[in-house]
Amino acid sequence: MGASHRGRLAIKPLSCVSLSLVGTLWVLSVTMMAYACPNNCQCTDRNGVVVQCTSRNLESIPSDLPKDTVVLLLSSNQIRNIPKETFAELHRLRELDLSHNAIESVEVGAFHGISESLQTLDLSNNHLSSLPKDTFGKLSARVRLSHNPWHCECSLQEVLRELRLDPETANDVSCYTSVQEEYVGQAVIQVLDSGINFCNFHHKTTDVAMFVAMFCWFSMVTAYIVYYIKHNQEDARRHMEYLKSLPSTSHGSKDYDTASSVF
């Protein structure tokens, strides 16, 4: 009985050690999952994860980014599009560098989930020419949009109105094309500050288009009415000629009376 009792006592400490080891391994596995680094990228812990994916020939933004990412560097790749809710799980993200890519479009809601935490966003040196009005939502970050082939028109003006442009590069956001050729090559901010309103040009263009469309419609209706009248006049003339060609009733009656008297 004494030996058996001592054996049971010896088992208990081993069970506690096993549980402690399992708990430690579980914590380590969770930590490793939280800080798992995407392929071809380097991750370092600096009061949050800094993910370095610069110049890795990436064609899309990695989907397995650590949730504790605070800095995400994706410059000098081949990324063409930023889908919606790409960064929705990165609630601690403060800096996002997407410069020197081939980005042509940014979907509405692309920055959903990081509008409050993000402090700097770099989209310079890409292929952006226009953006939907609600692309950035309530983003409060300082944004770089320089060296893109911007088309200066109403939607770009509305986007810029809601943004906090980086003051150091704001004058490098210029019109590559424009609804008014005279503004090509000029800094967008300077053009807008001079009192130019691209939305007015848009409304004027729309008004002219509507006027032309209405004029064409009116011309078609008028042409149809004229054709209809002429066609009816021609039919009426032919009908009158046909009636004139028929023998008159009075002449037929006289011939009938003459024939009766003869018999």
Protein backbone atom coordinates (compact mmCIF):
# COMPACT_ATOMS: atom_id res chain seq x y z
CA MET A 1 0.00 0.00 0.00
CA GLY A 2 2.83 2.39 0.79
CA ALA A 3 4.60 1.79 -2.52
CA SER A 4 1.36 2.14 -4.43
CA HIS A 5 0.58 5.37 -2.68
CA ARG A 6 4.00 6.79 -3.48
CA GLY A 7 3.52 5.82 -7.16
CA ARG A 8 0.29 7.75 -7.36
CA LEU A 9 1.95 10.78 -5.79
CA ALA A 10 4.73 10.64 -8.36
CA ILE A 11 2.28 10.66 -11.24
CA LYS A 12 0.64 13.93 -10.23
CA PRO A 13 3.69 16.18 -10.70
CA LEU A 14 4.28 14.61 -14.13
CA SER A 15 0.69 15.40 -15.16
CA CYS A 16 1.13 19.03 -14.09
CA VAL A 17 4.35 19.29 -16.09
CA SER A 18 2.63 17.81 -19.15
CA LEU A 19 -0.24 20.27 -18.92
CA SER A 20 2.17 23.15 -18.49
CA LEU A 21 4.15 22.02 -21.55
CA VAL A 22 1.01 21.68 -23.66
CA GLY A 23 -0.09 25.15 -22.60
CA THR A 24 3.28 26.63 -23.49
CA LEU A 25 3.26 24.95 -26.89
CA TRP A 26 -0.26 26.23 -27.55
CA VAL A 27 0.75 29.80 -26.71
CA LEU A 28 3.78 29.49 -28.97
CA SER A 29 1.70 28.13 -31.84
CA VAL A 30 -0.83 30.96 -31.52
CA THR A 31 2.00 33.48 -31.41
CA MET A 32 3.61 31.97 -34.50
CA MET A 33 0.28 32.05 -36.33
CA ALA A 34 -0.23 35.70 -35.39
CA TYR A 35 3.23 36.60 -36.67
CA ALA A 36 3.30 34.24 -39.68
CA CYS A 37 5.11 36.06 -42.46
CA PRO A 38 3.98 35.87 -46.11
CA ASN A 39 6.23 34.06 -48.57
CA ASN A 40 8.98 36.21 -50.13
CA CYS A 41 8.57 38.83 -47.40
CA GLN A 42 10.52 39.63 -44.24
CA CYS A 43 8.85 40.36 -40.93
CA THR A 44 10.31 42.00 -37.85
CA ASP A 45 8.74 42.83 -34.52
CA ARG A 46 8.98 46.51 -33.61
CA ASN A 47 6.12 47.07 -31.20
CA GLY A 48 4.01 45.42 -33.87
CA VAL A 49 4.96 43.59 -37.07
CA VAL A 50 6.82 45.38 -39.86
CA VAL A 51 6.25 43.49 -43.11
CA GLN A 52 8.88 44.14 -45.79
CA CYS A 53 7.76 43.01 -49.27
CA THR A 54 9.60 45.56 -51.39
CA SER A 55 10.86 44.52 -54.87
CA ARG A 56 9.55 40.94 -54.72
CA ASN A 57 7.78 40.93 -58.13
CA LEU A 58 4.41 40.59 -56.43
CA GLU A 59 1.37 40.90 -58.71
CA SER A 60 -1.12 41.08 -55.87
CA ILE A 61 -1.21 42.01 -52.20
CA PRO A 62 -0.48 38.99 -49.93
CA SER A 63 -3.59 37.64 -48.25
CA ASP A 64 -1.82 36.07 -45.26
CA LEU A 65 -0.56 39.24 -43.61
CA PRO A 66 -0.08 39.17 -39.81
CA LYS A 67 -3.00 40.81 -38.03
CA ASP A 68 -0.59 42.78 -35.85
CA THR A 69 1.04 44.45 -38.86
CA VAL A 70 1.79 48.12 -38.20
CA VAL A 71 3.97 48.85 -41.25
CA LEU A 72 3.40 47.25 -44.66
CA LEU A 73 5.96 47.99 -47.39
CA LEU A 74 4.86 46.83 -50.86
CA SER A 75 6.68 49.29 -53.11
CA SER A 76 8.41 48.40 -56.41
CA ASN A 77 6.26 45.41 -57.33
CA GLN A 78 3.81 44.65 -60.17
CA ILE A 79 0.54 45.13 -58.28
CA ARG A 80 -2.24 46.39 -60.60
CA ASN A 81 -5.36 46.50 -58.45
CA ILE A 82 -6.35 47.01 -54.80
CA PRO A 83 -9.53 45.00 -54.11
CA LYS A 84 -12.08 46.04 -51.52
CA GLU A 85 -11.46 45.11 -47.87
CA THR A 86 -7.90 44.03 -48.63
CA PHE A 87 -6.67 45.38 -45.29
CA ALA A 88 -9.88 44.88 -43.29
CA GLU A 89 -8.16 42.69 -40.64
CA LEU A 90 -5.13 44.95 -40.11
CA HIS A 91 -6.64 47.22 -37.46
CA ARG A 92 -3.21 48.35 -36.19
CA LEU A 93 -1.79 49.32 -39.59
CA ARG A 94 -0.18 52.77 -39.45
CA GLU A 95 1.94 52.95 -42.60
CA LEU A 96 1.16 51.55 -46.05
CA ASP A 97 3.58 51.98 -48.97
CA LEU A 98 2.25 50.97 -52.41
CA SER A 99 4.44 53.30 -54.46
CA HIS A 100 6.23 52.34 -57.70
CA ASN A 101 3.76 49.65 -58.72
CA ALA A 102 1.46 49.36 -61.74
CA ILE A 103 -1.77 50.14 -59.88
CA GLU A 104 -4.54 51.16 -62.28
CA SER A 105 -7.59 50.85 -60.04
CA VAL A 106 -8.57 51.04 -56.37
CA GLU A 107 -11.94 49.57 -55.49
CA VAL A 108 -14.34 51.35 -53.18
CA GLY A 109 -13.85 49.92 -49.68
CA ALA A 110 -10.21 48.96 -50.29
CA PHE A 111 -9.18 50.74 -47.08
CA HIS A 112 -12.12 49.60 -45.00
CA GLY A 113 -10.98 48.67 -41.48
CA ILE A 114 -7.87 50.89 -41.40
CA SER A 115 -9.40 54.34 -41.85
CA GLU A 116 -8.80 55.25 -38.21
CA SER A 117 -5.40 53.66 -37.61
CA LEU A 118 -3.63 54.48 -40.89
CA GLN A 119 -1.36 57.52 -40.73
CA THR A 120 0.45 57.48 -44.08
CA LEU A 121 -0.53 56.03 -47.46
CA ASP A 122 1.79 56.18 -50.47
CA LEU A 123 0.24 55.59 -53.91
CA SER A 124 2.77 57.65 -55.85
CA ASN A 125 4.38 56.51 -59.10
CA ASN A 126 1.58 54.25 -60.28
CA HIS A 127 -0.79 54.19 -63.27
CA LEU A 128 -3.80 55.83 -61.65
CA SER A 129 -5.81 58.20 -63.83
CA SER A 130 -9.09 58.35 -61.92
CA LEU A 131 -10.69 57.12 -58.69
CA PRO A 132 -14.31 56.59 -57.60
CA LYS A 133 -15.62 59.34 -55.34
CA ASP A 134 -15.83 57.12 -52.23
CA THR A 135 -12.52 55.30 -52.72
CA PHE A 136 -10.96 56.49 -49.47
CA GLY A 137 -14.11 56.72 -47.37
CA LYS A 138 -13.30 58.40 -44.04
CA LEU A 139 -9.55 57.88 -44.33
CA SER A 140 -7.67 60.44 -42.23
CA ALA A 141 -4.15 59.41 -43.29
CA ARG A 142 -1.73 61.66 -45.11
CA VAL A 143 -1.80 60.48 -48.73
CA ARG A 144 0.74 60.68 -51.55
CA LEU A 145 -0.72 60.62 -55.07
CA SER A 146 2.11 62.21 -57.03
CA HIS A 147 3.45 61.03 -60.39
CA ASN A 148 0.31 59.34 -61.65
CA PRO A 149 -1.30 60.04 -65.08
CA TRP A 150 -4.31 61.84 -63.59
CA HIS A 151 -7.27 62.88 -65.73
CA CYS A 152 -8.48 66.17 -64.28
CA GLU A 153 -12.26 66.19 -64.11
CA CYS A 154 -15.10 66.29 -61.60
CA SER A 155 -14.62 62.91 -59.87
CA LEU A 156 -10.92 63.60 -59.19
CA GLN A 157 -11.81 66.98 -57.74
CA GLU A 158 -14.35 65.37 -55.41
CA VAL A 159 -11.81 62.73 -54.30
CA LEU A 160 -9.15 65.32 -53.53
CA ARG A 161 -11.65 67.42 -51.60
CA GLU A 162 -11.98 64.61 -49.02
CA LEU A 163 -8.26 63.79 -48.74
CA ARG A 164 -5.36 65.09 -46.69
CA LEU A 165 -2.61 65.24 -49.30
CA ASP A 166 1.01 65.04 -48.27
CA PRO A 167 2.16 68.70 -48.45
CA GLU A 168 5.63 67.75 -49.67
CA THR A 169 4.31 66.06 -52.82
CA ALA A 170 0.96 67.83 -53.35
CA ASN A 171 2.32 69.98 -56.19
CA ASP A 172 3.47 66.85 -58.01
CA VAL A 173 -0.14 65.72 -58.45
CA SER A 174 -0.61 67.12 -61.94
CA CYS A 175 -3.05 66.86 -64.83
CA TYR A 176 -1.82 64.35 -67.40
CA THR A 177 -5.07 64.87 -69.32
CA SER A 178 -8.00 67.17 -68.60
CA VAL A 179 -11.54 68.05 -69.63
CA GLN A 180 -9.96 71.41 -70.52
CA GLU A 181 -6.71 71.05 -72.46
CA GLU A 182 -5.30 74.28 -71.06
CA TYR A 183 -4.77 72.63 -67.65
CA VAL A 184 -2.69 69.70 -68.90
CA GLY A 185 0.68 69.64 -67.13
CA GLN A 186 -0.44 71.90 -64.30
CA ALA A 187 -0.62 70.94 -60.63
CA VAL A 188 -4.19 69.96 -59.75
CA ILE A 189 -4.12 71.79 -56.42
CA GLN A 190 -2.96 75.02 -58.03
CA VAL A 191 -5.70 74.78 -60.67
CA LEU A 192 -8.37 74.20 -58.04
CA ASP A 193 -6.99 76.96 -55.82
CA SER A 194 -7.32 79.38 -58.74
CA GLY A 195 -11.09 78.90 -58.60
CA ILE A 196 -11.50 76.37 -61.40
CA ASN A 197 -14.34 73.93 -60.86
CA PHE A 198 -14.08 70.82 -63.04
CA CYS A 199 -17.60 69.80 -62.03
CA ASN A 200 -18.95 72.89 -63.82
CA PHE A 201 -17.28 71.71 -67.02
CA HIS A 202 -18.88 68.34 -66.52
CA HIS A 203 -22.34 69.88 -66.10
CA LYS A 204 -21.85 72.12 -69.14
CA THR A 205 -20.75 69.16 -71.24
CA THR A 206 -23.80 67.21 -70.06
CA ASP A 207 -26.10 70.15 -70.85
CA VAL A 208 -24.66 70.47 -74.36
CA ALA A 209 -25.06 66.73 -74.93
CA MET A 210 -28.69 66.90 -73.78
CA PHE A 211 -29.33 69.89 -76.04
CA VAL A 212 -27.85 68.09 -79.05
CA ALA A 213 -29.89 64.97 -78.26
CA MET A 214 -33.10 66.99 -77.94
CA PHE A 215 -32.35 68.85 -81.17
CA CYS A 216 -31.80 65.58 -83.03
CA TRP A 217 -35.03 64.18 -81.59
CA PHE A 218 -36.97 67.30 -82.58
CA SER A 219 -35.49 67.19 -86.09
CA MET A 220 -36.51 63.54 -86.49
CA VAL A 221 -40.06 64.26 -85.32
CA THR A 222 -40.33 67.25 -87.65
CA ALA A 223 -39.00 65.24 -90.58
CA TYR A 224 -41.52 62.48 -89.88
CA ILE A 225 -44.41 64.96 -89.71
CA VAL A 226 -43.36 66.58 -93.00
CA TYR A 227 -43.02 63.17 -94.64
CA TYR A 228 -46.42 62.10 -93.29
CA ILE A 229 -48.13 65.24 -94.60
CA LYS A 230 -46.51 64.96 -98.04
CA HIS A 231 -47.35 61.26 -98.23
CA ASN A 232 -51.01 61.96 -97.37
CA GLN A 233 -51.14 64.80 -99.88
CA GLU A 234 -49.83 62.49 -102.58
CA ASP A 235 -52.40 59.83 -101.68
CA ALA A 236 -55.16 62.44 -101.73
CA ARG A 237 -54.03 63.70 -105.15
CA ARG A 238 -54.01 60.20 -106.59
CA HIS A 239 -57.43 59.52 -105.14
CA MET A 240 -58.82 62.69 -106.71
CA GLU A 241 -57.35 61.78 -110.08
CA TYR A 242 -58.91 58.33 -109.77
CA LEU A 243 -62.31 59.82 -109.00
CA LYS A 244 -62.02 62.20 -111.95
CA SER A 245 -61.25 59.29 -114.22
CA LEU A 246 -64.55 57.56 -113.35
CA PRO A 247 -67.64 58.30 -115.55
CA SER A 248 -70.01 60.73 -113.88
CA THR A 249 -73.39 59.51 -112.55
CA SER A 250 -75.43 62.04 -114.53
CA HIS A 251 -73.84 61.01 -117.81
CA GLY A 252 -74.60 57.35 -117.07
CA SER A 253 -78.27 58.18 -116.34
CA LYS A 254 -78.73 60.00 -119.71
CA ASP A 255 -77.30 57.04 -121.60
CA TYR A 256 -79.72 54.72 -119.79
CA ASP A 257 -82.76 56.94 -120.68
CA THR A 258 -81.73 57.06 -124.33
CA ALA A 259 -81.41 53.31 -124.51
CA SER A 260 -84.85 52.88 -122.95
CA SER A 261 -86.57 55.16 -125.47
CA VAL A 262 -85.04 53.29 -128.34
CA PHE A 263 -86.49 50.02 -127.17
